[in-house]
Amino acid sequence: MVTASKHGPAAPAHYEVALQELEQLVAKLESGDMPLEQLLTQYQRGAELLKFCRDRLAAVDAQIKVLDQGTLKPWSGDAA
């Protein structure tokens, strides 16, 4: 699912790509070396990436629940 944003680049195709871009963006924002207008644009992009990542995680969580037939099993930490 790739959709164009009216604020900038399209949504990434994969969770890992979005997470990597988000991590890079946070580092830039924390550096404090951006003009205010660019800071706002980058913050908006970060919000889009965060939503994308949360949506993907929610979809995976729903798939796991279906696979487990709605029963959450305690994590034992042991490989079977």
Protein backbone atom coordinates (compact mmCIF):
# COMPACT_ATOMS: atom_id res chain seq x y z
CA MET A 1 0.00 0.00 0.00
CA VAL A 2 1.70 3.18 -1.20
CA THR A 3 -0.28 6.38 -0.95
CA ALA A 4 0.91 9.86 -1.76
CA SER A 5 0.74 12.48 0.95
CA LYS A 6 -0.18 16.04 0.20
CA HIS A 7 2.72 17.05 2.49
CA GLY A 8 5.49 15.04 0.91
CA PRO A 9 6.71 11.59 -0.02
CA ALA A 10 4.53 8.52 -0.36
CA ALA A 11 4.04 6.11 2.52
CA PRO A 12 6.74 3.44 2.68
CA ALA A 13 5.94 -0.03 1.41
CA HIS A 14 7.30 -1.84 4.48
CA TYR A 15 7.30 -1.38 8.24
CA GLU A 16 11.09 -1.65 8.46
CA VAL A 17 11.59 1.13 5.90
CA ALA A 18 9.17 3.38 7.78
CA LEU A 19 10.85 2.67 11.11
CA GLN A 20 14.30 3.43 9.71
CA GLU A 21 13.11 6.71 8.19
CA LEU A 22 11.37 7.62 11.44
CA GLU A 23 14.55 6.97 13.46
CA GLN A 24 16.56 9.17 11.08
CA LEU A 25 13.94 11.89 11.29
CA VAL A 26 13.96 11.86 15.10
CA ALA A 27 17.74 12.26 15.09
CA LYS A 28 17.44 15.28 12.78
CA LEU A 29 14.69 16.83 14.90
CA GLU A 30 16.69 16.33 18.08
CA SER A 31 19.75 17.98 16.56
CA GLY A 32 17.99 21.35 16.62
CA ASP A 33 19.70 22.47 13.41
CA MET A 34 16.56 22.97 11.28
CA PRO A 35 14.72 26.15 10.43
CA LEU A 36 11.22 26.34 11.91
CA GLU A 37 9.38 25.73 8.62
CA GLN A 38 11.44 22.63 7.84
CA LEU A 39 10.99 21.47 11.44
CA LEU A 40 7.22 21.57 11.03
CA THR A 41 7.35 19.69 7.71
CA GLN A 42 9.60 17.01 9.17
CA TYR A 43 7.39 16.71 12.26
CA GLN A 44 4.37 16.13 10.01
CA ARG A 45 6.27 13.45 8.09
CA GLY A 46 7.20 11.83 11.38
CA ALA A 47 3.54 11.77 12.43
CA GLU A 48 2.64 10.07 9.12
CA LEU A 49 5.38 7.47 9.59
CA LEU A 50 4.32 6.83 13.18
CA LYS A 51 0.73 6.25 12.09
CA PHE A 52 1.91 3.91 9.32
CA CYS A 53 3.99 1.87 11.81
CA ARG A 54 1.16 1.71 14.37
CA ASP A 55 -1.31 0.62 11.69
CA ARG A 56 1.04 -2.15 10.48
CA LEU A 57 1.62 -3.37 14.04
CA ALA A 58 -2.14 -3.42 14.69
CA ALA A 59 -2.69 -5.43 11.49
CA VAL A 60 -0.04 -7.97 12.48
CA ASP A 61 -1.51 -8.18 16.00
CA ALA A 62 -4.94 -8.91 14.50
CA GLN A 63 -3.46 -11.63 12.28
CA ILE A 64 -1.74 -13.25 15.27
CA LYS A 65 -4.99 -13.27 17.22
CA VAL A 66 -6.72 -14.99 14.30
CA LEU A 67 -3.92 -17.56 14.05
CA ASP A 68 -4.17 -18.21 17.79
CA GLN A 69 -7.97 -18.39 17.42
CA GLY A 70 -8.37 -15.39 19.70
CA THR A 71 -6.56 -17.04 22.61
CA LEU A 72 -3.50 -15.21 23.81
CA LYS A 73 -0.91 -17.65 25.10
CA PRO A 74 1.62 -16.73 27.78
CA TRP A 75 5.17 -16.31 26.55
CA SER A 76 7.40 -18.98 28.05
CA GLY A 77 10.63 -17.84 26.42
CA ASP A 78 11.52 -21.47 25.61
CA ALA A 79 11.86 -22.52 22.01
CA ALA A 80 9.83 -25.62 21.33
